[in-house]
Protein backbone atom coordinates (compact mmCIF):
# COMPACT_ATOMS: atom_id res chain seq x y z
CA MET A 1 -28.87 -1.96 12.40
CA SER A 2 -27.37 -2.11 15.89
CA LYS A 3 -29.36 -3.71 18.67
CA PRO A 4 -31.04 -1.33 21.16
CA LEU A 5 -28.69 -0.13 23.87
CA LYS A 6 -29.50 -1.18 27.42
CA GLU A 7 -29.10 1.80 29.73
CA SER A 8 -27.99 -0.34 32.67
CA ASP A 9 -24.87 -1.78 34.25
CA PHE A 10 -23.57 -5.18 33.28
CA GLU A 11 -21.17 -7.46 35.13
CA THR A 12 -18.22 -9.59 34.13
CA VAL A 13 -16.40 -12.04 36.39
CA ALA A 14 -12.69 -12.81 36.54
CA VAL A 15 -11.04 -15.48 38.71
CA LEU A 16 -7.50 -14.95 39.99
CA GLU A 17 -5.39 -17.60 41.67
CA ARG A 18 -2.51 -16.64 43.94
CA VAL A 19 0.39 -19.07 44.30
CA THR A 20 2.14 -18.84 47.69
CA GLY A 21 5.65 -17.52 47.42
CA GLN A 22 5.25 -15.99 43.99
CA LYS A 23 5.19 -12.27 43.29
CA ILE A 24 1.79 -10.80 42.43
CA VAL A 25 1.91 -9.18 38.99
CA PRO A 26 -0.83 -7.28 37.13
CA HIS A 27 -2.91 -9.27 34.66
CA LYS A 28 -4.74 -7.77 31.72
CA ILE A 29 -8.41 -8.79 31.78
CA THR A 30 -10.28 -8.57 28.48
CA VAL A 31 -13.99 -8.55 27.78
CA ASN A 32 -14.70 -10.92 24.90
CA ASP A 33 -18.30 -9.84 24.44
CA LYS A 34 -18.04 -7.27 21.65
CA ALA A 35 -21.62 -6.11 22.10
CA ALA A 36 -20.91 -5.40 25.78
CA THR A 37 -17.79 -3.46 24.80
CA ARG A 38 -19.79 -1.31 22.40
CA GLN A 39 -22.31 -0.68 25.15
CA ALA A 40 -19.61 0.19 27.70
CA ILE A 41 -18.17 2.87 25.37
CA ILE A 42 -21.54 4.50 24.82
CA LEU A 43 -22.50 4.47 28.49
CA ALA A 44 -19.13 5.90 29.54
CA LEU A 45 -19.58 8.85 27.16
CA ARG A 46 -23.14 9.52 28.27
CA ARG A 47 -22.23 9.32 31.94
CA SER A 48 -19.49 11.87 31.29
CA GLY A 49 -22.19 14.31 30.16
CA PHE A 50 -21.85 13.99 26.40
CA THR A 51 -24.75 13.53 23.99
CA PHE A 52 -24.32 10.26 22.10
CA LYS A 53 -26.62 9.09 19.31
CA THR A 54 -26.55 5.45 18.24
CA ARG A 55 -27.10 4.38 14.64
CA SER A 56 -30.74 3.57 15.33
CA GLU A 57 -31.27 6.94 17.03
CA TRP A 58 -30.06 9.03 14.09
CA GLY A 59 -31.59 6.73 11.48
CA ALA A 60 -28.60 5.03 9.87
CA LYS A 61 -29.12 2.86 6.81
CA PRO A 62 -27.83 -0.74 6.71
CA GLY A 63 -24.53 -1.39 4.98
CA LYS A 64 -22.30 -4.34 4.05
CA ALA A 65 -19.26 -3.93 6.30
CA LYS A 66 -17.02 -6.85 7.33
CA GLU A 67 -16.28 -7.67 10.94
CA ASP A 68 -13.15 -6.28 12.61
CA TRP A 69 -11.71 -6.01 16.13
CA ASN A 70 -8.41 -5.75 18.05
CA PHE A 71 -8.09 -2.05 17.28
CA HIS A 72 -4.63 -0.54 17.75
CA SER A 73 -4.88 2.94 16.20
CA ILE A 74 -7.21 5.90 15.65
CA THR A 75 -7.41 8.02 12.52
CA LEU A 76 -8.89 11.53 12.55
CA HIS A 77 -10.76 12.86 9.51
CA HIS A 78 -12.74 15.93 8.61
CA ALA A 79 -15.81 15.72 6.39
CA GLY A 80 -14.39 18.14 3.81
CA ASN A 81 -15.14 21.37 2.01
CA SER A 82 -18.72 20.48 1.11
CA PHE A 83 -19.56 20.31 4.83
CA SER A 84 -19.99 23.10 7.35
CA CYS A 85 -20.35 23.80 11.06
CA HIS A 86 -23.42 25.88 10.19
CA ALA A 87 -25.44 22.82 9.10
CA ASP A 88 -27.38 20.36 11.27
CA GLY A 89 -25.22 17.48 12.55
CA VAL A 90 -27.62 14.67 11.64
CA GLU A 91 -28.13 16.11 8.17
CA GLN A 92 -24.35 16.30 7.70
CA LEU A 93 -23.89 12.70 8.82
CA LYS A 94 -26.65 11.47 6.51
CA LYS A 95 -25.00 13.37 3.66
CA ALA A 96 -21.70 11.60 4.42
CA GLU A 97 -23.58 8.30 4.63
CA GLU A 98 -25.08 8.73 1.16
CA ILE A 99 -21.63 9.43 -0.28
CA ASP A 100 -20.09 6.41 1.46
CA LEU A 101 -22.88 3.98 0.62
CA GLY A 102 -22.37 4.87 -3.03
CA LYS A 103 -18.61 4.33 -2.82
CA PHE A 104 -18.13 1.58 -0.25
CA GLN A 105 -21.63 0.17 0.52
CA GLN A 106 -21.12 1.23 4.14
CA LEU A 107 -20.30 4.26 6.27
CA SER A 108 -16.54 4.84 6.35
CA TYR A 109 -16.08 5.99 9.94
CA HIS A 110 -16.86 4.49 13.34
CA TYR A 111 -17.69 7.79 15.06
CA ALA A 112 -18.65 11.31 14.01
CA ILE A 113 -18.63 14.53 16.04
CA ASP A 114 -20.57 17.63 15.03
CA CYS A 115 -19.73 21.21 15.95
CA ALA A 116 -22.18 21.19 18.87
CA GLY A 117 -20.18 18.35 20.44
CA THR A 118 -22.69 15.57 19.78
CA ILE A 119 -21.02 12.20 19.24
CA TYR A 120 -22.58 9.80 16.74
CA GLU A 121 -22.13 6.08 16.23
CA ALA A 122 -21.46 6.10 12.50
CA LEU A 123 -20.34 2.51 11.87
CA ASP A 124 -20.88 -0.13 14.55
CA ILE A 125 -17.50 -0.64 16.24
CA ARG A 126 -17.65 -4.37 15.52
CA TYR A 127 -17.08 -3.70 11.81
CA LYS A 128 -14.16 -2.59 9.66
CA GLY A 129 -14.12 1.01 8.47
CA ALA A 130 -13.41 2.25 4.94
CA HIS A 131 -11.63 5.49 5.77
CA VAL A 132 -7.96 4.76 4.90
CA SER A 133 -7.37 3.18 1.50
CA GLY A 134 -5.39 -0.03 2.06
CA GLY A 135 -5.13 0.46 5.82
CA ASN A 136 -8.40 -0.10 7.67
CA SER A 137 -7.80 -3.28 9.68
CA GLY A 138 -7.58 -2.51 13.39
CA VAL A 139 -7.92 1.24 12.81
CA LEU A 140 -10.79 3.24 14.29
CA GLY A 141 -12.02 6.18 12.23
CA ILE A 142 -13.39 9.41 13.72
CA VAL A 143 -14.74 12.13 11.44
CA MET A 144 -15.33 15.73 12.47
CA LEU A 145 -18.43 17.00 10.65
CA ALA A 146 -16.80 20.19 9.41
CA ASP A 147 -14.26 21.59 6.95
CA PHE A 148 -10.87 22.00 8.66
CA SER A 149 -8.73 22.56 5.57
CA VAL A 150 -7.58 25.94 4.28
CA HIS A 151 -7.97 26.72 0.59
CA GLY A 152 -5.21 25.24 -1.53
CA GLU A 153 -4.43 22.32 0.77
CA ALA A 154 -5.73 19.69 -1.65
CA TYR A 155 -3.27 20.85 -4.32
CA GLU A 156 -0.34 21.08 -1.91
CA GLN A 157 -0.95 17.70 -0.28
CA GLU A 158 -2.41 15.64 -3.13
CA TYR A 159 -1.37 17.03 -6.53
CA LYS A 160 1.78 19.15 -6.26
CA GLU A 161 4.11 16.15 -6.48
CA LYS A 162 2.14 14.38 -9.23
CA SER A 163 2.72 14.44 -12.98
CA THR A 164 1.22 17.15 -15.18
CA TRP A 165 -1.35 14.68 -16.54
CA GLU A 166 -2.40 13.62 -13.02
CA ARG A 167 -2.75 17.28 -12.00
CA ILE A 168 -4.91 17.94 -15.06
CA LYS A 169 -7.15 14.94 -14.27
CA GLY A 170 -7.54 16.11 -10.69
CA ALA A 171 -8.06 19.76 -11.59
CA PRO A 172 -11.82 19.96 -10.78
CA GLY A 173 -11.11 18.90 -7.21
CA TRP A 174 -8.08 21.00 -6.37
CA ILE A 175 -9.34 24.09 -8.24
CA ALA A 176 -12.58 23.93 -6.26
CA ASP A 177 -10.55 23.56 -3.08
CA LYS A 178 -8.35 26.53 -3.98
CA ALA A 179 -11.42 28.65 -4.59
CA ASP A 180 -13.03 27.59 -1.31
CA THR A 181 -12.31 30.24 1.33
CA ALA A 182 -14.82 29.00 3.93
CA THR A 183 -13.04 27.08 6.69
CA ASP A 184 -14.33 25.86 10.05
CA GLU A 185 -12.26 25.97 13.20
CA PRO A 186 -12.93 23.23 15.78
CA THR A 187 -15.39 24.44 18.42
CA ASP A 188 -14.72 24.02 22.14
CA ALA A 189 -17.59 21.53 22.39
CA GLN A 190 -16.20 19.52 19.48
CA ILE A 191 -12.69 19.45 20.94
CA LYS A 192 -13.93 18.33 24.37
CA ALA A 193 -16.03 15.57 22.79
CA LEU A 194 -13.05 14.34 20.75
CA TYR A 195 -10.77 14.25 23.79
CA LYS A 196 -13.30 12.28 25.82
CA LEU A 197 -14.04 9.87 22.98
CA VAL A 198 -10.34 9.08 22.53
CA GLU A 199 -9.90 8.67 26.30
CA VAL A 200 -12.82 6.24 26.51
CA LEU A 201 -11.63 4.24 23.50
CA LYS A 202 -8.16 4.02 25.07
CA SER A 203 -9.72 2.62 28.23
CA VAL A 204 -11.25 -0.24 26.22
CA PHE A 205 -8.65 -1.01 23.53
CA PHE A 206 -4.85 -0.99 23.64
CA LEU A 207 -4.51 2.09 21.46
CA GLU A 208 -1.04 3.58 21.13
CA VAL A 209 -1.28 5.43 17.82
CA PHE A 210 -3.31 8.53 16.92
CA GLY A 211 -2.90 10.26 13.59
CA GLY A 212 -4.49 12.24 10.80
CA HIS A 213 -5.80 10.61 7.63
CA GLN A 214 -2.93 12.14 5.65
CA GLU A 215 -0.37 10.40 7.89
CA PHE A 216 -1.99 6.97 7.67
CA GLN A 217 -2.56 7.26 3.91
CA ARG A 218 1.07 8.04 3.13
CA ASN A 219 2.11 5.02 5.17
CA ALA A 220 -0.46 2.72 3.53
CA THR A 221 -0.13 3.66 -0.15
CA GLY A 222 2.26 6.62 -0.43
CA GLU A 223 -0.59 8.88 -1.57
CA GLY A 224 -1.06 12.43 -0.33
CA ARG A 225 -4.25 13.58 1.42
CA ALA A 226 -5.32 16.97 2.74
CA CYS A 227 -7.63 15.35 5.33
CA PRO A 228 -8.12 16.22 8.19
CA GLY A 229 -6.95 19.69 7.14
CA ARG A 230 -4.63 22.13 8.87
CA TYR A 231 -6.91 22.64 11.86
CA GLY A 232 -7.54 18.91 12.10
CA MET A 233 -3.80 18.24 12.27
CA ASP A 234 -3.52 20.82 15.05
CA LEU A 235 -6.01 18.67 16.99
CA VAL A 236 -4.05 15.51 16.20
CA ASN A 237 -0.82 17.00 17.53
CA MET A 238 -2.48 18.30 20.71
CA ILE A 239 -4.14 14.97 21.49
CA ARG A 240 -1.00 12.97 20.77
CA LYS A 241 0.92 15.11 23.24
CA ASP A 242 -1.76 15.31 25.94
CA LEU A 243 -2.76 11.64 25.83
CA ASN A 244 0.76 10.31 25.26
CA MET A 245 0.05 8.62 21.93
CA LYS A 246 2.38 7.84 19.03
CA VAL A 247 2.75 8.99 15.42
CA PRO A 248 1.69 6.37 12.85
CA VAL A 249 4.65 4.65 11.20
CA LYS A 250 4.96 1.94 8.55
C-alpha cells in the first residue's frame, strides 16, 4: 500500500557552477527521490482541478509487482467489453483489480480514468506494470474504464490472421465480441483528464512515445490486440499529434 500523500510543497536543491569564459548551456536536473516524484505528479493533477484518488483512497489490495523506473513510453488501454461508462468508477477499477490479481498478482496499469474524469492511481508508479506482454519495462500503462471497441474488432485484430485451429480455440472470445453492440465513446471529462495526465507525466519523465496497446503488442511479440479499441486509437492519434509524441517502433 502506498504511503499517505502529503498535501504540501517539497523542496529540492541544485548547485550550478559557472566557469568564466564558457558558454552557459541548459542542464537537465533530475529528482532521484521516487516517492517525491510520485507525490509531485499527484499534486500537479489535483492543483489543475482534477479529482485524483490514490491506491489507499480507493481501497487497493496489495500485490507483488517488481520495481521499475526510467519510463520512456506510455501505453493506452481500455478496460474492455465487460466494462461500461454507466458503472461506478471505483467498482470498475476493483473489478479490473480482481481480474489482474488472478492473472498477474498485481494490477496491470499505473493509472485509470473513469468516464466522469476521475484519475486513479492503479499501480504505484515505482513498480513495473503488466499491461503489455513482453514489453513492460519503462512503459507506463493508462487504462480507460470503458469499452472503446466496436463489435467484431477482436476477430479482425486478433484472430483473422491466425490458423483455423487458433480461431476455433479463441471462438468464445471473438464471438462474444462480435455479438457485443454496446460501445462507449470517450467523454469530454475523460479526454481532458487523459490529456492532463499525459502532460504531467511528460513534465516528470522523458517520454517521447505514446501508443495504443495494439501497437506496443505487435512490436513486442507480433500478436494482434483490439485494445484500446477504435475510439481509443482515435484518442491515441489526437494526443500524439497535439503533444508531439512518437509512434512506438521496434
